[in-house]
Amino acid sequence: MRKLLSEVPCTECGGQLRSKYITQEFERGGVKVKLSGISAMVCAKCGEIYFQPGGADKVAEAANSLFELAVVGKQHKHRLAAQICRV
């Protein structure tokens, strides 16, 4: 039987994982991309971030899409932001 991610201790320090919405910022070629409202599990002790299976890939895909928009469309002033909203 598999345990829920929230039931597993942090692999870095053994701390308790808590569900949070986080913000991550990425930089590439002088362009910054900021994603907010990302669902993750965060260690209450050391701050290590964990995603549900496939979650990290989705975050990377979103960031890459924004970088592509910035570079190809030249629609930026060196910073792009996106916010994930639940409806």
Protein backbone atom coordinates (compact mmCIF):
# COMPACT_ATOMS: atom_id res chain seq x y z
CA MET A 1 0.00 0.00 0.00
CA ARG A 2 1.39 3.41 -1.00
CA LYS A 3 1.52 6.24 1.53
CA LEU A 4 0.26 9.71 0.73
CA LEU A 5 3.03 12.24 0.19
CA SER A 6 1.88 14.11 3.31
CA GLU A 7 2.47 10.95 5.40
CA VAL A 8 6.08 10.53 4.26
CA PRO A 9 8.84 12.36 6.16
CA CYS A 10 11.20 14.74 4.37
CA THR A 11 14.04 12.81 2.76
CA GLU A 12 16.49 15.60 3.64
CA CYS A 13 15.84 16.09 7.36
CA GLY A 14 12.95 13.83 8.43
CA GLY A 15 10.64 16.81 9.02
CA GLN A 16 6.87 16.85 8.44
CA LEU A 17 5.55 17.77 4.99
CA ARG A 18 2.76 20.33 4.74
CA SER A 19 0.57 21.23 1.80
CA LYS A 20 1.19 24.77 0.53
CA TYR A 21 0.85 26.97 -2.52
CA ILE A 22 4.28 28.20 -3.52
CA THR A 23 5.92 30.63 -5.91
CA GLN A 24 8.94 29.69 -7.99
CA GLU A 25 11.13 31.98 -10.08
CA PHE A 26 13.30 30.88 -12.99
CA GLU A 27 15.89 32.83 -14.98
CA ARG A 28 17.24 32.12 -18.44
CA GLY A 29 19.16 34.44 -20.75
CA GLY A 30 18.39 37.54 -18.70
CA VAL A 31 14.64 36.79 -18.64
CA LYS A 32 12.88 35.96 -15.36
CA VAL A 33 9.72 33.88 -15.15
CA LYS A 34 7.67 33.70 -11.96
CA LEU A 35 4.98 31.07 -11.35
CA SER A 36 2.67 31.51 -8.35
CA GLY A 37 -0.01 29.33 -6.79
CA ILE A 38 1.76 26.01 -7.39
CA SER A 39 0.48 23.20 -5.19
CA ALA A 40 3.33 21.44 -3.38
CA MET A 41 4.33 19.71 -0.18
CA VAL A 42 6.94 21.69 1.77
CA CYS A 43 8.99 20.45 4.69
CA ALA A 44 8.11 22.44 7.82
CA LYS A 45 11.67 22.02 9.10
CA CYS A 46 14.06 22.60 6.16
CA GLY A 47 11.81 23.96 3.38
CA GLU A 48 12.50 21.16 0.87
CA ILE A 49 9.81 21.18 -1.86
CA TYR A 50 8.01 18.07 -3.12
CA PHE A 51 5.47 17.75 -5.93
CA GLN A 52 2.92 15.07 -6.60
CA PRO A 53 4.00 12.66 -9.38
CA GLY A 54 4.25 14.59 -12.64
CA GLY A 55 3.97 17.95 -10.88
CA ALA A 56 7.59 19.01 -11.42
CA ASP A 57 7.25 18.24 -15.12
CA LYS A 58 4.15 20.45 -15.35
CA VAL A 59 5.93 23.34 -13.60
CA ALA A 60 8.91 23.01 -15.97
CA GLU A 61 6.55 22.88 -18.96
CA ALA A 62 4.78 26.07 -17.84
CA ALA A 63 8.08 27.89 -17.27
CA ASN A 64 9.42 26.76 -20.66
CA SER A 65 6.24 27.99 -22.37
CA LEU A 66 6.67 31.43 -20.81
CA PHE A 67 10.35 31.55 -21.82
CA GLU A 68 9.35 30.62 -25.37
CA LEU A 69 6.77 33.41 -25.42
CA ALA A 70 9.35 35.88 -24.14
CA VAL A 71 12.05 34.94 -26.62
CA VAL A 72 9.99 34.26 -29.75
CA GLY A 73 7.40 36.97 -29.27
CA LYS A 74 9.77 39.46 -27.65
CA GLN A 75 6.83 40.23 -25.39
CA HIS A 76 8.73 40.93 -22.21
CA LYS A 77 10.64 43.49 -20.24
CA HIS A 78 12.94 40.90 -18.68
CA ARG A 79 10.27 39.51 -16.33
CA LEU A 80 7.15 37.41 -16.95
CA ALA A 81 4.74 36.16 -14.31
CA ALA A 82 1.91 33.65 -14.27
CA GLN A 83 -0.52 32.78 -11.53
CA ILE A 84 -2.39 29.52 -11.19
CA CYS A 85 -5.99 30.09 -10.12
CA ARG A 86 -8.56 27.55 -9.09
CA VAL A 87 -12.13 28.15 -10.24
